[in-house]
């Protein structure tokens, strides 16, 4: 079984978590999902974060990630441990989705590990209000060229599921060609 890793990114509320949830349901493929800020959220809770992602807390999480990255590369070390475990252990998971915002983090992972691909989820502009973000993690997502760009129609889960199924069929085709 060939294991596949995808880095997933998109603006807040673009449907990244929904994408992975629908992917699991539609494909019935064993899939895991991790985020560059999983551990940052734990630290933030210790510091009093209420787990609500408003603009102020989004900046807090972004700044906290920057501080810990500068100190000891906390988020990347966590993700690399997860990747190594995923690739090396006998486990039923075939797909791994990594939530990452920073173009630097995405490029680093793609260069270090073979066959990682990136996905940008874009929400149909007619279905969401425009927000101006005050942290670089949310501002910089378009400063990267992704392998896949998928549009979340936002107003129809059926349409989104069709987009996800088309994505799945395209990666299955890629897997056949790689054999």
Foldseek 3Di string as FASTA:
>chain_A
DAAAEEEEEEAPPLCPVVLVVLLCVVVVAAEEEEELQPVLVVVVVVVPDPPDDDLVVVQVSLVSCVVVCVVPNVSLVVVVVVVCCVVPDDDRHRYYYYYFQDQVSVVVVPVVDDRYFYEYRYEDPVQDDDDDHDHCSNVCNVVHDGPYYFYDPNPDPVVSSVRSVVVVVVVVVVVVVVD
